[in-house]
Amino acid sequence: QVQLVESGGGLVQPGGSLRLSCAASGFTLDYYVIGWFRQAPGKEREVVSCMSSSHGSTYYADSVKGRFTISGDNAKNTVYLQMNSLKPEDTAVYYCAAYLVSLYGSNCRSRYEYDYWGQGTQVTVSS
């Protein structure tokens, strides 16, 4: 059974930090692309970051570049999103997602590539 479970969200002041975790079960991260997405009320779901462990490639949205870091621990089958210098506009529900690595390549920035999704964790940045 394939499952993704996010944790680590919460309320934080502007300028603060949070680390989100995505625990995967039912598959090995080695063969999957992992993405972090977020969705604010009334807004479309947008990519925050994505990575391929097998290819060693990483992508960050311009809005989070230099502040967020995606990483993975294959032994624990867990992916992390370290979020620093948080801003109110970072407030959203954050989701992790995954899909099997393609032999022909793919665009990890597109949410339509992903087959598996976690239920999300709320991040609120406010004073």
N, C-alpha and C. Protein backbone atom coordinates (compact mmCIF):
# COMPACT_ATOMS: atom_id res chain seq x y z
N GLN A 1 0.84 -1.18 0.00
CA GLN A 1 0.00 0.00 0.00
C GLN A 1 0.89 1.24 0.00
N VAL A 2 0.69 2.11 -0.97
CA VAL A 2 1.47 3.33 -1.10
C VAL A 2 0.84 4.42 -0.26
N GLN A 3 1.64 5.02 0.60
CA GLN A 3 1.16 6.11 1.44
C GLN A 3 2.23 7.18 1.61
N LEU A 4 1.78 8.42 1.68
CA LEU A 4 2.62 9.56 1.99
C LEU A 4 1.96 10.32 3.13
N VAL A 5 2.70 10.59 4.18
CA VAL A 5 2.16 11.27 5.35
C VAL A 5 3.06 12.45 5.70
N GLU A 6 2.48 13.66 5.63
CA GLU A 6 3.22 14.87 5.99
C GLU A 6 3.08 15.17 7.47
N SER A 7 4.09 15.83 8.01
CA SER A 7 4.04 16.30 9.38
C SER A 7 4.99 17.48 9.52
N GLY A 8 4.88 18.20 10.63
CA GLY A 8 5.79 19.29 10.91
C GLY A 8 5.22 20.68 10.71
N GLY A 9 4.00 20.77 10.21
CA GLY A 9 3.39 22.07 10.03
C GLY A 9 2.98 22.69 11.35
N GLY A 10 2.59 23.96 11.29
CA GLY A 10 2.16 24.66 12.48
C GLY A 10 2.17 26.15 12.29
N LEU A 11 2.06 26.86 13.40
CA LEU A 11 2.07 28.32 13.41
C LEU A 11 3.46 28.82 13.74
N VAL A 12 3.95 29.74 12.93
CA VAL A 12 5.29 30.30 13.14
C VAL A 12 5.27 31.78 12.81
N GLN A 13 6.10 32.55 13.48
CA GLN A 13 6.20 33.98 13.23
C GLN A 13 7.01 34.25 11.97
N PRO A 14 6.77 35.38 11.31
CA PRO A 14 7.60 35.75 10.16
C PRO A 14 9.07 35.74 10.52
N GLY A 15 9.88 35.19 9.62
CA GLY A 15 11.29 35.05 9.87
C GLY A 15 11.68 33.76 10.54
N GLY A 16 10.70 33.00 10.99
CA GLY A 16 10.96 31.75 11.66
C GLY A 16 11.20 30.61 10.70
N SER A 17 11.37 29.41 11.26
CA SER A 17 11.69 28.23 10.47
C SER A 17 10.81 27.06 10.86
N LEU A 18 10.59 26.18 9.91
CA LEU A 18 9.91 24.92 10.11
C LEU A 18 10.56 23.86 9.23
N ARG A 19 10.50 22.62 9.66
CA ARG A 19 10.92 21.52 8.83
C ARG A 19 9.76 20.55 8.66
N LEU A 20 9.33 20.39 7.43
CA LEU A 20 8.28 19.45 7.11
C LEU A 20 8.87 18.10 6.77
N SER A 21 8.17 17.05 7.15
CA SER A 21 8.59 15.70 6.85
C SER A 21 7.51 15.00 6.03
N CYS A 22 7.95 14.14 5.14
CA CYS A 22 7.05 13.32 4.33
C CYS A 22 7.52 11.89 4.43
N ALA A 23 6.80 11.09 5.19
CA ALA A 23 7.15 9.69 5.37
C ALA A 23 6.45 8.84 4.32
N ALA A 24 7.22 8.09 3.58
CA ALA A 24 6.69 7.26 2.50
C ALA A 24 6.69 5.80 2.91
N SER A 25 5.67 5.09 2.50
CA SER A 25 5.59 3.66 2.73
C SER A 25 4.99 2.98 1.50
N GLY A 26 5.35 1.72 1.31
CA GLY A 26 4.83 0.97 0.18
C GLY A 26 5.67 1.08 -1.08
N PHE A 27 6.70 1.90 -1.05
CA PHE A 27 7.61 2.02 -2.19
C PHE A 27 8.94 2.58 -1.70
N THR A 28 9.94 2.47 -2.55
CA THR A 28 11.27 2.96 -2.25
C THR A 28 11.52 4.27 -2.96
N LEU A 29 12.00 5.27 -2.22
CA LEU A 29 12.22 6.59 -2.78
C LEU A 29 13.24 6.61 -3.91
N ASP A 30 14.11 5.64 -3.94
CA ASP A 30 15.15 5.58 -4.96
C ASP A 30 14.60 5.67 -6.37
N TYR A 31 13.42 5.15 -6.59
CA TYR A 31 12.86 5.05 -7.93
C TYR A 31 11.73 6.05 -8.18
N TYR A 32 11.58 7.03 -7.33
CA TYR A 32 10.49 7.98 -7.45
C TYR A 32 10.98 9.42 -7.43
N VAL A 33 10.23 10.25 -8.11
CA VAL A 33 10.39 11.70 -8.02
C VAL A 33 9.48 12.19 -6.90
N ILE A 34 10.00 13.06 -6.06
CA ILE A 34 9.24 13.61 -4.94
C ILE A 34 9.08 15.11 -5.12
N GLY A 35 7.87 15.59 -4.88
CA GLY A 35 7.60 17.02 -4.97
C GLY A 35 6.92 17.54 -3.73
N TRP A 36 7.17 18.80 -3.43
CA TRP A 36 6.44 19.54 -2.41
C TRP A 36 5.60 20.61 -3.11
N PHE A 37 4.33 20.62 -2.78
CA PHE A 37 3.39 21.60 -3.32
C PHE A 37 2.72 22.33 -2.18
N ARG A 38 2.13 23.47 -2.51
CA ARG A 38 1.35 24.18 -1.51
C ARG A 38 0.13 24.81 -2.16
N GLN A 39 -0.90 24.99 -1.35
CA GLN A 39 -2.13 25.58 -1.84
C GLN A 39 -2.73 26.47 -0.76
N ALA A 40 -2.87 27.73 -1.11
CA ALA A 40 -3.52 28.70 -0.24
C ALA A 40 -5.00 28.80 -0.61
N PRO A 41 -5.85 29.25 0.30
CA PRO A 41 -7.28 29.38 0.00
C PRO A 41 -7.52 30.23 -1.24
N GLY A 42 -8.33 29.72 -2.15
CA GLY A 42 -8.65 30.43 -3.37
C GLY A 42 -7.56 30.42 -4.43
N LYS A 43 -6.48 29.74 -4.18
CA LYS A 43 -5.36 29.69 -5.11
C LYS A 43 -5.16 28.29 -5.66
N GLU A 44 -4.51 28.21 -6.81
CA GLU A 44 -4.18 26.92 -7.39
C GLU A 44 -3.00 26.29 -6.64
N ARG A 45 -2.95 24.98 -6.68
CA ARG A 45 -1.83 24.28 -6.08
C ARG A 45 -0.58 24.54 -6.91
N GLU A 46 0.49 24.92 -6.25
CA GLU A 46 1.71 25.27 -6.95
C GLU A 46 2.90 24.48 -6.41
N VAL A 47 3.85 24.23 -7.29
CA VAL A 47 5.04 23.51 -6.89
C VAL A 47 5.94 24.40 -6.06
N VAL A 48 6.49 23.85 -5.02
CA VAL A 48 7.46 24.53 -4.18
C VAL A 48 8.86 24.04 -4.50
N SER A 49 8.99 22.72 -4.55
CA SER A 49 10.27 22.09 -4.81
C SER A 49 10.04 20.66 -5.24
N CYS A 50 10.98 20.10 -5.98
CA CYS A 50 10.91 18.69 -6.34
C CYS A 50 12.31 18.16 -6.57
N MET A 51 12.43 16.84 -6.46
CA MET A 51 13.74 16.23 -6.61
C MET A 51 13.62 14.78 -7.06
N SER A 52 14.69 14.31 -7.67
CA SER A 52 14.84 12.91 -8.05
C SER A 52 16.10 12.38 -7.39
N SER A 53 15.92 11.43 -6.49
CA SER A 53 17.07 10.86 -5.80
C SER A 53 18.01 10.15 -6.76
N SER A 54 17.44 9.43 -7.72
CA SER A 54 18.24 8.64 -8.64
C SER A 54 19.08 9.51 -9.56
N HIS A 55 18.52 10.64 -9.98
CA HIS A 55 19.23 11.54 -10.88
C HIS A 55 19.97 12.66 -10.16
N GLY A 56 19.67 12.86 -8.90
CA GLY A 56 20.31 13.90 -8.14
C GLY A 56 19.94 15.30 -8.59
N SER A 57 18.76 15.47 -9.13
CA SER A 57 18.32 16.76 -9.63
C SER A 57 17.33 17.39 -8.65
N THR A 58 17.36 18.72 -8.59
CA THR A 58 16.52 19.47 -7.67
C THR A 58 15.98 20.73 -8.34
N TYR A 59 14.75 21.08 -7.99
CA TYR A 59 14.13 22.29 -8.50
C TYR A 59 13.50 23.06 -7.35
N TYR A 60 13.61 24.40 -7.41
CA TYR A 60 12.94 25.28 -6.45
C TYR A 60 12.19 26.37 -7.18
N ALA A 61 11.00 26.66 -6.71
CA ALA A 61 10.28 27.81 -7.22
C ALA A 61 11.03 29.08 -6.86
N ASP A 62 10.93 30.08 -7.73
CA ASP A 62 11.64 31.34 -7.49
C ASP A 62 11.25 31.97 -6.15
N SER A 63 10.01 31.79 -5.75
CA SER A 63 9.51 32.41 -4.54
C SER A 63 10.14 31.85 -3.26
N VAL A 64 10.73 30.66 -3.34
CA VAL A 64 11.31 30.04 -2.16
C VAL A 64 12.80 29.79 -2.28
N LYS A 65 13.35 30.05 -3.44
CA LYS A 65 14.77 29.79 -3.68
C LYS A 65 15.63 30.57 -2.70
N GLY A 66 16.57 29.88 -2.10
CA GLY A 66 17.44 30.49 -1.11
C GLY A 66 16.91 30.42 0.30
N ARG A 67 15.64 30.07 0.46
CA ARG A 67 15.03 29.97 1.78
C ARG A 67 14.65 28.54 2.15
N PHE A 68 14.23 27.76 1.16
CA PHE A 68 13.79 26.39 1.38
C PHE A 68 14.82 25.41 0.84
N THR A 69 14.88 24.24 1.48
CA THR A 69 15.78 23.19 1.03
C THR A 69 15.07 21.84 1.09
N ILE A 70 15.08 21.12 -0.02
CA ILE A 70 14.51 19.79 -0.06
C ILE A 70 15.63 18.77 0.13
N SER A 71 15.35 17.72 0.86
CA SER A 71 16.33 16.68 1.08
C SER A 71 15.62 15.36 1.34
N GLY A 72 16.37 14.29 1.26
CA GLY A 72 15.79 12.98 1.49
C GLY A 72 16.72 12.07 2.25
N ASP A 73 16.13 11.17 2.98
CA ASP A 73 16.86 10.12 3.69
C ASP A 73 16.30 8.80 3.19
N ASN A 74 17.00 8.19 2.25
CA ASN A 74 16.50 6.97 1.63
C ASN A 74 16.39 5.82 2.63
N ALA A 75 17.28 5.78 3.60
CA ALA A 75 17.24 4.73 4.60
C ALA A 75 15.96 4.79 5.42
N LYS A 76 15.46 6.00 5.66
CA LYS A 76 14.23 6.20 6.41
C LYS A 76 13.01 6.34 5.52
N ASN A 77 13.23 6.38 4.21
CA ASN A 77 12.14 6.60 3.25
C ASN A 77 11.36 7.87 3.59
N THR A 78 12.11 8.92 3.88
CA THR A 78 11.51 10.18 4.30
C THR A 78 12.13 11.34 3.53
N VAL A 79 11.28 12.27 3.12
CA VAL A 79 11.71 13.48 2.45
C VAL A 79 11.40 14.67 3.34
N TYR A 80 12.27 15.67 3.32
CA TYR A 80 12.11 16.84 4.17
C TYR A 80 12.05 18.11 3.35
N LEU A 81 11.40 19.10 3.91
CA LEU A 81 11.44 20.44 3.37
C LEU A 81 11.78 21.39 4.51
N GLN A 82 13.01 21.86 4.51
CA GLN A 82 13.44 22.84 5.50
C GLN A 82 13.06 24.22 5.01
N MET A 83 12.30 24.95 5.82
CA MET A 83 11.79 26.25 5.44
C MET A 83 12.33 27.29 6.42
N ASN A 84 13.13 28.21 5.90
CA ASN A 84 13.71 29.28 6.69
C ASN A 84 13.20 30.63 6.22
N SER A 85 13.37 31.63 7.06
CA SER A 85 12.97 33.00 6.73
C SER A 85 11.54 33.05 6.21
N LEU A 86 10.65 32.42 6.92
CA LEU A 86 9.27 32.29 6.46
C LEU A 86 8.56 33.64 6.41
N LYS A 87 7.71 33.77 5.41
CA LYS A 87 6.94 34.97 5.16
C LYS A 87 5.45 34.66 5.25
N PRO A 88 4.62 35.67 5.52
CA PRO A 88 3.17 35.43 5.55
C PRO A 88 2.64 34.80 4.27
N GLU A 89 3.22 35.14 3.13
CA GLU A 89 2.77 34.57 1.87
C GLU A 89 3.12 33.09 1.70
N ASP A 90 3.89 32.55 2.62
CA ASP A 90 4.16 31.11 2.62
C ASP A 90 3.02 30.32 3.27
N THR A 91 2.07 31.01 3.85
CA THR A 91 0.95 30.35 4.50
C THR A 91 0.14 29.55 3.48
N ALA A 92 -0.02 28.26 3.75
CA ALA A 92 -0.72 27.36 2.84
C ALA A 92 -0.76 25.97 3.45
N VAL A 93 -1.53 25.11 2.82
CA VAL A 93 -1.43 23.69 3.11
C VAL A 93 -0.34 23.12 2.21
N TYR A 94 0.59 22.42 2.81
CA TYR A 94 1.71 21.85 2.08
C TYR A 94 1.51 20.36 1.88
N TYR A 95 1.74 19.91 0.66
CA TYR A 95 1.57 18.51 0.29
C TYR A 95 2.87 17.94 -0.26
N CYS A 96 3.13 16.70 0.05
CA CYS A 96 4.17 15.98 -0.67
C CYS A 96 3.51 15.02 -1.64
N ALA A 97 4.20 14.73 -2.71
CA ALA A 97 3.67 13.89 -3.77
C ALA A 97 4.79 13.11 -4.42
N ALA A 98 4.43 12.05 -5.15
CA ALA A 98 5.44 11.19 -5.75
C ALA A 98 4.95 10.55 -7.03
N TYR A 99 5.89 10.25 -7.92
CA TYR A 99 5.59 9.44 -9.09
C TYR A 99 6.84 8.67 -9.49
N LEU A 100 6.62 7.57 -10.20
CA LEU A 100 7.72 6.71 -10.62
C LEU A 100 8.58 7.39 -11.67
N VAL A 101 9.88 7.26 -11.51
CA VAL A 101 10.82 7.84 -12.47
C VAL A 101 10.55 7.29 -13.87
N SER A 102 10.49 8.17 -14.83
CA SER A 102 10.23 7.78 -16.21
C SER A 102 11.52 7.49 -16.95
N LEU A 103 11.48 6.49 -17.81
CA LEU A 103 12.63 6.18 -18.64
C LEU A 103 12.89 7.27 -19.67
N TYR A 104 11.88 8.06 -19.96
CA TYR A 104 11.99 9.09 -20.99
C TYR A 104 12.03 10.50 -20.43
N GLY A 105 12.11 10.63 -19.14
CA GLY A 105 12.15 11.93 -18.50
C GLY A 105 10.77 12.49 -18.26
N SER A 106 10.70 13.52 -17.42
CA SER A 106 9.44 14.15 -17.07
C SER A 106 9.70 15.52 -16.46
N ASN A 107 8.62 16.26 -16.26
CA ASN A 107 8.70 17.59 -15.66
C ASN A 107 8.13 17.52 -14.25
N CYS A 108 8.99 17.52 -13.26
CA CYS A 108 8.54 17.38 -11.88
C CYS A 108 7.81 18.60 -11.37
N ARG A 109 7.83 19.70 -12.11
CA ARG A 109 7.13 20.91 -11.70
C ARG A 109 5.63 20.84 -11.94
N SER A 110 5.20 19.89 -12.75
CA SER A 110 3.79 19.75 -13.08
C SER A 110 3.10 18.83 -12.09
N ARG A 111 2.04 19.31 -11.46
CA ARG A 111 1.31 18.49 -10.50
C ARG A 111 0.62 17.31 -11.17
N TYR A 112 0.44 17.38 -12.48
CA TYR A 112 -0.24 16.32 -13.20
C TYR A 112 0.62 15.08 -13.38
N GLU A 113 1.89 15.19 -13.11
CA GLU A 113 2.79 14.04 -13.19
C GLU A 113 2.64 13.10 -11.99
N TYR A 114 2.09 13.59 -10.92
CA TYR A 114 2.15 12.87 -9.65
C TYR A 114 0.97 11.92 -9.46
N ASP A 115 1.28 10.72 -9.04
CA ASP A 115 0.28 9.68 -8.83
C ASP A 115 -0.14 9.55 -7.37
N TYR A 116 0.74 9.90 -6.46
CA TYR A 116 0.48 9.72 -5.04
C TYR A 116 0.64 11.04 -4.31
N TRP A 117 -0.30 11.28 -3.40
CA TRP A 117 -0.33 12.53 -2.64
C TRP A 117 -0.58 12.27 -1.17
N GLY A 118 0.07 13.06 -0.33
CA GLY A 118 -0.25 13.06 1.08
C GLY A 118 -1.48 13.89 1.35
N GLN A 119 -1.93 13.89 2.59
CA GLN A 119 -3.14 14.62 2.95
C GLN A 119 -2.89 16.09 3.27
N GLY A 120 -1.65 16.47 3.41
CA GLY A 120 -1.31 17.86 3.63
C GLY A 120 -1.09 18.22 5.08
N THR A 121 -0.30 19.26 5.29
CA THR A 121 -0.07 19.80 6.62
C THR A 121 -0.11 21.33 6.54
N GLN A 122 -0.80 21.94 7.48
CA GLN A 122 -1.02 23.39 7.46
C GLN A 122 0.20 24.13 7.98
N VAL A 123 0.63 25.12 7.23
CA VAL A 123 1.68 26.04 7.66
C VAL A 123 1.09 27.45 7.69
N THR A 124 1.16 28.08 8.84
CA THR A 124 0.64 29.43 8.99
C THR A 124 1.75 30.33 9.51
N VAL A 125 2.04 31.39 8.76
CA VAL A 125 3.08 32.34 9.13
C VAL A 125 2.40 33.65 9.48
N SER A 126 2.41 34.00 10.75
CA SER A 126 1.69 35.17 11.21
C SER A 126 2.25 35.64 12.54
N SER A 127 2.10 36.95 12.78
CA SER A 127 2.48 37.52 14.06
C SER A 127 1.36 37.39 15.08
